[in-house]
């Protein structure tokens, strides 16, 4: 039902006497905030501290002491199960909940995948240092976000792993390519505030000013990741030129997830495929396809089985609606897709699938050569879109019957599930 924010304590404050901005430390203080004590706040470190730390290191100033504080070991809290029906589906279970919940999912998954791909041995990584870095990444995600949290990062990382195994790509990938792909997937939304770029720009947030209103969130995710890499010293044993190249390529991958650049990448991919001029022996072409793979992984939820896809859809829309509630509260223009009274979940999802997901995954299937995974994803996508259309039709019918709730009843959804199998 109601996805509106409960107990929201975000505040508006004056910045240099000009335009008000949102304090995001308070923005995310929901009813769960009482669970986050002083130790948690110190342990997480503010995003500005991460950026400042990276900036100091960029200038060659090495801190006298590490900013890292030893984290508790959450091993065993969450377990990962690969669904037997498809290697593409990842479900993370905790005893108390049937849906995806935060635990140690991202850390556990990345440690497993680094081992599976032989990256620990190849790059001579220290397991304690790797674990420390991954805990930093996981804890810099906001558990209060319905969608942009560490479970989303784990979900994208697992999808990326599957895409890296597609034969057309896997046959050419180097260990560096694989490590970059997995790291970029894990950190691509780190420290996401739960609001979008237009919100940051119109509230004159300091990140918008810092990155001059261009790929604001993506630049922040990248720079935060660099700060954590350097703070953890995960790659400190590698030659300087190697680590610099890794940092730059991580930036290129994470920046590719900016949805505003969708057409740019789609046009380029279409050109390569139509001209058949992709040369994956070339590092530049491999990197481009890693960008495409990460973009696919980031938006692949509509390509999953209905039950899982639907839950992710509801969560991302809840996050949109929370932003809309904030905008309404502070008398700002409500952003597109964020008005719960006008923007229904089915209409949002149908538009997203039609204009963003379908064009990209059709080209991805063309690249992979219609593998079983690609075919399954497109089949799920089409079925899910048909289901959302049916739900939208039922909403319209209900609205014409003077039911203005905008919600699909449980009986309606049960009927739909009986009519169409996922």
Protein backbone atom coordinates (compact mmCIF):
# COMPACT_ATOMS: atom_id res chain seq x y z
CA UNK A 1 0.00 0.00 0.00
CA UNK A 2 1.25 3.31 1.17
CA UNK A 3 4.91 3.83 0.29
CA UNK A 4 5.16 7.24 1.87
CA UNK A 5 7.96 8.04 4.26
CA UNK A 6 7.14 7.44 7.91
CA UNK A 7 8.84 9.51 10.57
CA UNK A 8 11.01 11.30 8.04
CA UNK A 9 13.30 13.76 9.83
CA UNK A 10 15.12 15.29 6.89
CA UNK A 11 15.59 19.01 7.42
CA UNK A 12 16.11 22.03 5.25
CA UNK A 13 18.93 24.34 6.24
CA UNK A 14 20.54 27.44 4.85
CA UNK A 15 23.85 27.19 3.03
CA UNK A 16 25.91 30.36 2.81
CA UNK A 17 22.73 32.37 3.02
CA UNK A 18 21.63 31.33 -0.47
CA UNK A 19 19.49 28.33 -1.37
CA UNK A 20 18.38 25.65 1.10
CA UNK A 21 19.76 22.15 0.84
CA UNK A 22 18.99 18.79 2.39
CA UNK A 23 21.24 17.34 5.09
CA UNK A 24 21.44 13.73 3.91
CA UNK A 25 22.70 12.47 7.23
CA UNK A 26 19.23 13.32 8.51
CA UNK A 27 17.47 12.43 5.27
CA UNK A 28 18.08 8.75 5.90
CA UNK A 29 17.10 8.78 9.57
CA UNK A 30 13.96 6.65 9.38
CA UNK A 31 12.49 4.57 12.17
CA UNK A 32 15.61 2.40 11.90
CA UNK A 33 17.86 5.28 12.88
CA UNK A 34 17.79 4.33 16.53
CA UNK A 35 19.76 1.22 15.65
CA UNK A 36 22.62 3.29 14.29
CA UNK A 37 24.67 4.48 17.23
CA UNK A 38 27.81 6.54 17.53
CA UNK A 39 30.03 3.55 16.86
CA UNK A 40 28.22 2.85 13.60
CA UNK A 41 28.54 6.47 12.48
CA UNK A 42 32.26 6.57 13.23
CA UNK A 43 32.81 3.19 11.61
CA UNK A 44 31.01 4.11 8.40
CA UNK A 45 32.79 7.42 7.93
CA UNK A 46 31.05 10.29 6.19
CA UNK A 47 31.23 10.34 2.42
CA UNK A 48 33.03 13.69 2.57
CA UNK A 49 35.76 12.08 4.68
CA UNK A 50 36.13 9.39 2.04
CA UNK A 51 36.47 11.99 -0.69
CA UNK A 52 38.83 14.12 1.39
CA UNK A 53 40.99 11.08 2.11
CA UNK A 54 41.20 10.26 -1.59
CA UNK A 55 42.02 13.88 -2.43
CA UNK A 56 44.86 13.96 0.10
CA UNK A 57 46.29 10.79 -1.35
CA UNK A 58 45.96 12.20 -4.86
CA UNK A 59 48.18 15.02 -3.72
CA UNK A 60 50.67 12.52 -2.35
CA UNK A 61 49.93 13.17 1.34
CA UNK A 62 49.94 9.84 3.16
CA UNK A 63 48.01 9.83 6.44
CA UNK A 64 49.90 8.92 9.58
CA UNK A 65 47.22 6.47 10.71
CA UNK A 66 44.56 4.52 8.91
CA UNK A 67 41.00 5.82 9.10
CA UNK A 68 39.81 2.24 9.22
CA UNK A 69 38.28 0.90 12.42
CA UNK A 70 37.91 -2.85 12.80
CA UNK A 71 34.42 -3.98 11.88
CA UNK A 72 32.48 -6.79 13.48
CA UNK A 73 32.54 -10.02 11.60
CA UNK A 74 29.09 -10.73 10.17
CA UNK A 75 30.09 -14.01 8.55
CA UNK A 76 27.30 -16.52 8.83
CA UNK A 77 24.51 -13.96 9.11
CA UNK A 78 23.54 -14.34 5.47
CA UNK A 79 23.96 -17.21 3.11
CA UNK A 80 23.98 -17.25 -0.66
CA UNK A 81 22.09 -19.85 -2.65
CA UNK A 82 22.32 -20.25 -6.42
CA UNK A 83 18.87 -21.15 -7.70
CA UNK A 84 19.11 -24.41 -9.60
CA UNK A 85 16.74 -23.32 -12.36
CA UNK A 86 19.01 -20.56 -13.53
CA UNK A 87 22.53 -19.37 -12.61
CA UNK A 88 21.27 -15.82 -13.20
CA UNK A 89 19.04 -15.77 -10.12
CA UNK A 90 20.56 -14.93 -6.77
CA UNK A 91 18.55 -15.15 -3.58
CA UNK A 92 19.98 -14.01 -0.28
CA UNK A 93 18.19 -15.44 2.74
CA UNK A 94 18.04 -14.42 6.35
CA UNK A 95 15.96 -16.29 8.88
CA UNK A 96 13.72 -13.34 9.66
CA UNK A 97 12.68 -12.38 6.14
CA UNK A 98 11.76 -13.94 2.82
CA UNK A 99 12.95 -11.03 0.70
CA UNK A 100 16.47 -9.73 0.12
CA UNK A 101 17.82 -8.19 3.32
CA UNK A 102 21.06 -6.56 4.32
CA UNK A 103 23.45 -8.77 6.19
CA UNK A 104 26.87 -9.63 4.94
CA UNK A 105 25.64 -10.46 1.45
CA UNK A 106 27.95 -8.23 -0.57
CA UNK A 107 31.08 -9.19 1.37
CA UNK A 108 30.29 -12.89 1.23
CA UNK A 109 29.47 -12.83 -2.47
CA UNK A 110 32.57 -10.86 -3.50
CA UNK A 111 34.93 -13.03 -1.48
CA UNK A 112 33.39 -16.07 -3.15
CA UNK A 113 33.60 -14.63 -6.67
CA UNK A 114 37.17 -13.40 -6.23
CA UNK A 115 38.08 -16.94 -5.25
CA UNK A 116 36.06 -18.55 -8.09
CA UNK A 117 37.78 -16.38 -10.69
CA UNK A 118 41.25 -16.91 -9.22
CA UNK A 119 41.73 -13.20 -8.58
CA UNK A 120 43.10 -13.59 -5.05
CA UNK A 121 45.94 -15.77 -6.29
CA UNK A 122 46.55 -13.84 -9.52
CA UNK A 123 46.83 -10.43 -7.84
CA UNK A 124 48.35 -11.80 -4.62
CA UNK A 125 45.61 -10.18 -2.56
CA UNK A 126 45.61 -10.41 1.21
CA UNK A 127 42.30 -11.95 2.34
CA UNK A 128 42.08 -9.85 5.50
CA UNK A 129 42.66 -6.67 3.52
CA UNK A 130 40.13 -7.75 0.87
CA UNK A 131 37.54 -8.44 3.54
CA UNK A 132 38.25 -5.09 5.18
CA UNK A 133 37.79 -3.25 1.88
CA UNK A 134 34.55 -5.07 1.09
CA UNK A 135 33.15 -4.30 4.54
CA UNK A 136 33.91 -0.63 3.87
CA UNK A 137 32.01 -0.78 0.59
CA UNK A 138 29.07 -2.64 2.10
CA UNK A 139 28.79 -0.26 5.04
CA UNK A 140 28.87 2.81 2.82
CA UNK A 141 25.55 1.73 1.30
CA UNK A 142 22.49 3.09 3.10
CA UNK A 143 20.39 0.27 4.53
CA UNK A 144 17.48 2.72 4.87
CA UNK A 145 17.18 3.01 1.09
CA UNK A 146 14.43 0.70 -0.18
CA UNK A 147 16.33 0.08 -3.43
CA UNK A 148 19.83 1.59 -3.59
CA UNK A 149 21.34 -0.47 -0.81
CA UNK A 150 24.00 -3.16 -0.43
CA UNK A 151 21.63 -5.94 -1.54
CA UNK A 152 21.11 -4.12 -4.85
CA UNK A 153 24.91 -3.99 -5.15
CA UNK A 154 25.13 -7.75 -4.48
CA UNK A 155 22.35 -8.37 -6.99
CA UNK A 156 24.14 -6.36 -9.69
CA UNK A 157 27.45 -8.06 -8.88
CA UNK A 158 25.97 -11.53 -9.27
CA UNK A 159 24.38 -10.54 -12.57
CA UNK A 160 27.71 -9.10 -13.72
CA UNK A 161 29.39 -12.40 -12.85
CA UNK A 162 26.89 -14.22 -15.08
CA UNK A 163 27.45 -11.81 -17.97
CA UNK A 164 31.22 -12.19 -17.67
CA UNK A 165 30.72 -15.91 -18.21
CA UNK A 166 28.93 -15.48 -21.54
CA UNK A 167 31.23 -17.27 -24.03
CA UNK A 168 31.36 -14.38 -26.51
CA UNK A 169 32.94 -12.23 -23.77
CA UNK A 170 34.54 -14.76 -21.42
CA UNK A 171 36.89 -16.11 -24.07
CA UNK A 172 38.72 -12.78 -24.22
CA UNK A 173 38.62 -11.47 -20.65
CA UNK A 174 41.81 -11.02 -18.65
CA UNK A 175 41.98 -11.27 -14.83
CA UNK A 176 42.16 -7.47 -14.76
CA UNK A 177 38.94 -7.20 -16.77
CA UNK A 178 37.15 -9.57 -14.41
CA UNK A 179 38.34 -7.83 -11.26
CA UNK A 180 37.37 -4.43 -12.66
CA UNK A 181 33.93 -5.70 -13.65
CA UNK A 182 33.21 -7.18 -10.23
CA UNK A 183 34.58 -4.22 -8.27
CA UNK A 184 32.65 -1.72 -10.39
CA UNK A 185 29.44 -3.71 -9.92
CA UNK A 186 29.92 -3.92 -6.16
CA UNK A 187 30.66 -0.21 -5.73
CA UNK A 188 28.62 1.34 -8.54
CA UNK A 189 26.03 2.91 -6.17
CA UNK A 190 28.06 3.25 -2.98
CA UNK A 191 26.84 5.98 -0.59
CA UNK A 192 23.73 6.57 -2.70
CA UNK A 193 21.55 9.11 -0.81
CA UNK A 194 18.24 7.69 -2.05
CA UNK A 195 17.46 10.68 -4.28
CA UNK A 196 18.38 11.37 -7.90
CA UNK A 197 20.65 13.88 -9.61
CA UNK A 198 17.95 16.47 -10.44
CA UNK A 199 17.06 16.57 -6.74
CA UNK A 200 20.69 17.25 -5.80
CA UNK A 201 20.94 19.96 -8.44
CA UNK A 202 17.76 21.82 -7.57
CA UNK A 203 18.58 21.76 -3.86
CA UNK A 204 22.11 22.99 -4.61
CA UNK A 205 23.68 20.08 -2.79
CA UNK A 206 27.46 20.27 -2.41
CA UNK A 207 27.96 17.16 -4.58
CA UNK A 208 26.17 18.86 -7.47
CA UNK A 209 28.49 21.84 -7.13
CA UNK A 210 31.55 19.61 -6.77
CA UNK A 211 30.84 17.74 -10.01
CA UNK A 212 29.32 20.69 -11.86
CA UNK A 213 25.94 18.98 -12.30
CA UNK A 214 27.44 16.24 -14.52
CA UNK A 215 27.01 12.56 -13.52
CA UNK A 216 26.89 13.79 -9.94
CA UNK A 217 26.03 10.52 -8.22
CA UNK A 218 28.23 8.37 -10.45
CA UNK A 219 31.24 10.61 -9.89
CA UNK A 220 30.61 10.42 -6.16
CA UNK A 221 30.34 6.60 -6.24
CA UNK A 222 33.62 6.41 -8.13
CA UNK A 223 35.55 8.84 -5.93
CA UNK A 224 34.23 7.16 -2.78
CA UNK A 225 35.44 3.82 -4.12
CA UNK A 226 38.91 5.21 -4.79
CA UNK A 227 39.02 6.56 -1.25
CA UNK A 228 38.17 3.14 0.17
CA UNK A 229 40.65 1.33 -2.08
CA UNK A 230 43.42 3.60 -0.90
CA UNK A 231 42.36 3.57 2.70
CA UNK A 232 42.27 -0.23 2.79
CA UNK A 233 45.55 -0.49 0.83
CA UNK A 234 44.09 -3.48 -1.02
CA UNK A 235 46.20 -2.76 -4.12
CA UNK A 236 49.14 -1.05 -2.40
CA UNK A 237 51.50 -3.91 -3.33
CA UNK A 238 50.92 -3.37 -7.07
CA UNK A 239 53.00 -0.95 -9.18
CA UNK A 240 51.75 2.63 -9.06
CA UNK A 241 50.95 2.75 -12.78
CA UNK A 242 48.81 -0.39 -12.43
CA UNK A 243 46.76 1.00 -9.54
CA UNK A 244 46.30 4.31 -11.36
CA UNK A 245 45.01 2.47 -14.42
CA UNK A 246 42.63 0.40 -12.26
CA UNK A 247 41.26 3.56 -10.64
CA UNK A 248 40.67 5.26 -13.98
CA UNK A 249 38.99 2.23 -15.51
CA UNK A 250 36.78 1.83 -12.44
CA UNK A 251 35.69 5.40 -13.00
CA UNK A 252 34.92 4.75 -16.64
CA UNK A 253 32.79 1.73 -15.74
CA UNK A 254 30.86 3.37 -12.90
CA UNK A 255 30.25 6.55 -14.91
CA UNK A 256 28.73 4.40 -17.67
CA UNK A 257 25.82 3.57 -15.34
CA UNK A 258 24.53 7.15 -15.61
CA UNK A 259 21.08 6.63 -17.15
CA UNK A 260 21.40 9.99 -18.90
CA UNK A 261 24.08 8.41 -21.10
CA UNK A 262 21.88 5.50 -22.18
CA UNK A 263 21.44 6.62 -25.79
CA UNK A 264 25.13 7.38 -26.14
CA UNK A 265 26.08 3.78 -25.30
CA UNK A 266 23.17 2.24 -27.17
CA UNK A 267 24.01 4.08 -30.41
CA UNK A 268 27.66 3.08 -30.14
CA UNK A 269 26.76 -0.56 -29.43
CA UNK A 270 24.34 -0.66 -32.35
CA UNK A 271 27.01 0.74 -34.64
CA UNK A 272 29.55 -1.89 -33.56
CA UNK A 273 27.08 -4.73 -33.98
CA UNK A 274 25.77 -3.53 -37.34
CA UNK A 275 29.30 -3.03 -38.67
CA UNK A 276 30.60 -6.21 -37.00
CA UNK A 277 33.74 -4.37 -36.03
CA UNK A 278 34.06 -5.33 -32.36
CA UNK A 279 37.54 -6.72 -31.77
CA UNK A 280 37.59 -8.14 -28.27
CA UNK A 281 41.31 -8.83 -28.56
CA UNK A 282 41.53 -5.04 -28.27
CA UNK A 283 41.50 -3.81 -24.67
CA UNK A 284 39.47 -0.77 -25.66
CA UNK A 285 36.67 -2.84 -27.17
CA UNK A 286 36.70 -5.22 -24.19
CA UNK A 287 36.35 -2.28 -21.84
CA UNK A 288 33.40 -0.96 -23.82
CA UNK A 289 31.64 -4.31 -23.54
CA UNK A 290 32.37 -4.35 -19.81
CA UNK A 291 30.58 -1.00 -19.65
CA UNK A 292 27.62 -2.49 -21.51
CA UNK A 293 27.62 -5.57 -19.26
CA UNK A 294 27.56 -3.37 -16.16
CA UNK A 295 24.73 -1.27 -17.59
CA UNK A 296 22.79 -4.48 -18.22
CA UNK A 297 23.49 -5.78 -14.72
CA UNK A 298 22.33 -2.50 -13.20
CA UNK A 299 18.88 -2.62 -14.81
CA UNK A 300 18.30 -6.37 -15.21
CA UNK A 301 15.56 -6.79 -12.61
CA UNK A 302 12.75 -6.66 -15.23
CA UNK A 303 14.48 -9.67 -16.83
CA UNK A 304 14.05 -11.87 -13.77
CA UNK A 305 11.19 -14.15 -12.75
CA UNK A 306 8.01 -12.22 -11.92
CA UNK A 307 7.99 -12.65 -8.15
CA UNK A 308 11.52 -11.33 -7.71
CA UNK A 309 11.22 -8.69 -10.42
CA UNK A 310 8.01 -7.34 -8.91
CA UNK A 311 9.58 -6.90 -5.48
CA UNK A 312 12.49 -4.91 -6.90
CA UNK A 313 10.06 -2.79 -8.91
CA UNK A 314 8.05 -1.98 -5.80
CA UNK A 315 11.19 -1.06 -3.92
CA UNK A 316 12.56 1.32 -6.53
CA UNK A 317 9.17 3.02 -6.80
CA UNK A 318 8.99 3.34 -3.02
CA UNK A 319 12.31 5.18 -3.18
CA UNK A 320 10.91 7.46 -5.91
CA UNK A 321 7.83 8.17 -3.82
CA UNK A 322 9.95 9.02 -0.78
CA UNK A 323 11.76 11.61 -2.85
CA UNK A 324 8.43 12.99 -4.03
CA UNK A 325 7.24 13.26 -0.45
CA UNK A 326 10.38 15.20 0.47
CA UNK A 327 9.91 17.53 -2.48
CA UNK A 328 6.31 18.13 -1.53
CA UNK A 329 7.25 18.68 2.11
CA UNK A 330 9.80 21.33 1.19
CA UNK A 331 7.59 22.90 -1.49
CA UNK A 332 9.78 21.83 -4.40
CA UNK A 333 8.48 20.72 -7.77
CA UNK A 334 7.84 16.98 -7.63
CA UNK A 335 10.19 15.13 -9.96
CA UNK A 336 8.94 12.84 -12.76
CA UNK A 337 8.00 9.33 -11.53
CA UNK A 338 7.99 10.52 -7.90
CA UNK A 339 4.33 11.51 -7.49
CA UNK A 340 2.56 8.57 -5.90
CA UNK A 341 -0.83 10.03 -6.75
CA UNK A 342 -0.09 10.15 -10.49
CA UNK A 343 2.82 7.80 -11.20
CA UNK A 344 1.69 4.23 -10.59
CA UNK A 345 4.10 1.33 -10.34
CA UNK A 346 2.76 -0.41 -13.48
CA UNK A 347 3.02 2.75 -15.60
CA UNK A 348 6.56 3.46 -14.35
CA UNK A 349 7.67 -0.09 -15.05
CA UNK A 350 6.10 -0.28 -18.51
CA UNK A 351 7.85 2.93 -19.55
CA UNK A 352 11.16 1.78 -18.06
CA UNK A 353 10.99 -1.56 -19.85
CA UNK A 354 9.92 -0.07 -23.17
CA UNK A 355 12.41 2.78 -23.47
CA UNK A 356 15.39 1.65 -21.39
CA UNK A 357 15.53 -2.09 -20.74
CA UNK A 358 14.25 -3.66 -23.96
CA UNK A 359 16.50 -1.73 -26.39
CA UNK A 360 19.61 -2.53 -24.34
CA UNK A 361 18.90 -6.22 -23.76
CA UNK A 362 17.89 -6.83 -27.36
CA UNK A 363 21.30 -5.53 -28.41
CA UNK A 364 23.00 -7.53 -25.65
CA UNK A 365 21.32 -10.69 -26.97
CA UNK A 366 22.54 -9.78 -30.45
CA UNK A 367 26.07 -9.51 -29.06
CA UNK A 368 25.99 -12.76 -27.09
CA UNK A 369 24.44 -14.66 -29.97
CA UNK A 370 21.10 -15.51 -28.35
CA UNK A 371 22.53 -17.70 -25.61
CA UNK A 372 20.13 -19.50 -23.23
CA UNK A 373 20.69 -16.79 -20.62
CA UNK A 374 19.91 -13.96 -23.02
CA UNK A 375 16.83 -15.73 -24.38
CA UNK A 376 15.54 -16.40 -20.86
CA UNK A 377 16.03 -12.78 -19.87
CA UNK A 378 14.13 -11.48 -22.89
CA UNK A 379 11.34 -14.00 -22.27
CA UNK A 380 11.02 -12.91 -18.64
CA UNK A 381 11.09 -9.27 -19.74
CA UNK A 382 8.21 -9.73 -22.18
CA UNK A 383 6.12 -11.71 -19.71
CA UNK A 384 6.72 -9.20 -16.94
CA UNK A 385 5.79 -6.33 -19.22
CA UNK A 386 2.56 -8.11 -20.14
CA UNK A 387 1.77 -8.56 -16.46
CA UNK A 388 2.35 -4.90 -15.70
CA UNK A 389 0.08 -4.01 -18.63
CA UNK A 390 -2.62 -6.24 -17.19
CA UNK A 391 -2.21 -4.65 -13.77
CA UNK A 392 -2.40 -1.19 -15.32
CA UNK A 393 -5.57 -2.15 -17.18
CA UNK A 394 -7.12 -3.42 -13.94
CA UNK A 395 -6.16 -0.16 -12.21
CA UNK A 396 -7.84 1.86 -14.96
CA UNK A 397 -10.93 -0.33 -14.76
CA UNK A 398 -11.00 0.06 -11.01
CA UNK A 399 -10.58 3.82 -11.32
CA UNK A 400 -13.52 4.03 -13.68
CA UNK A 401 -15.52 2.21 -11.00
CA UNK A 402 -14.84 5.09 -8.59
CA UNK A 403 -12.00 3.29 -6.86
CA UNK A 404 -9.23 5.91 -6.75
CA UNK A 405 -6.85 4.05 -4.46
CA UNK A 406 -4.42 3.35 -7.33
CA UNK A 407 -3.61 0.00 -5.72
CA UNK A 408 -4.16 -3.48 -7.15
CA UNK A 409 -5.95 -5.70 -4.66
CA UNK A 410 -4.62 -9.06 -3.59
CA UNK A 411 -7.52 -10.83 -5.31
CA UNK A 412 -6.79 -9.00 -8.57
CA UNK A 413 -3.16 -10.02 -8.47
CA UNK A 414 -4.08 -13.60 -7.62
CA UNK A 415 -6.37 -13.66 -10.63
CA UNK A 416 -3.58 -12.29 -12.78
CA UNK A 417 -1.15 -14.91 -11.54
CA UNK A 418 -3.68 -17.62 -12.36
CA UNK A 419 -4.17 -16.22 -15.86
CA UNK A 420 -0.46 -15.92 -16.69
CA UNK A 421 2.39 -18.08 -15.50
CA UNK A 422 5.81 -16.39 -15.19
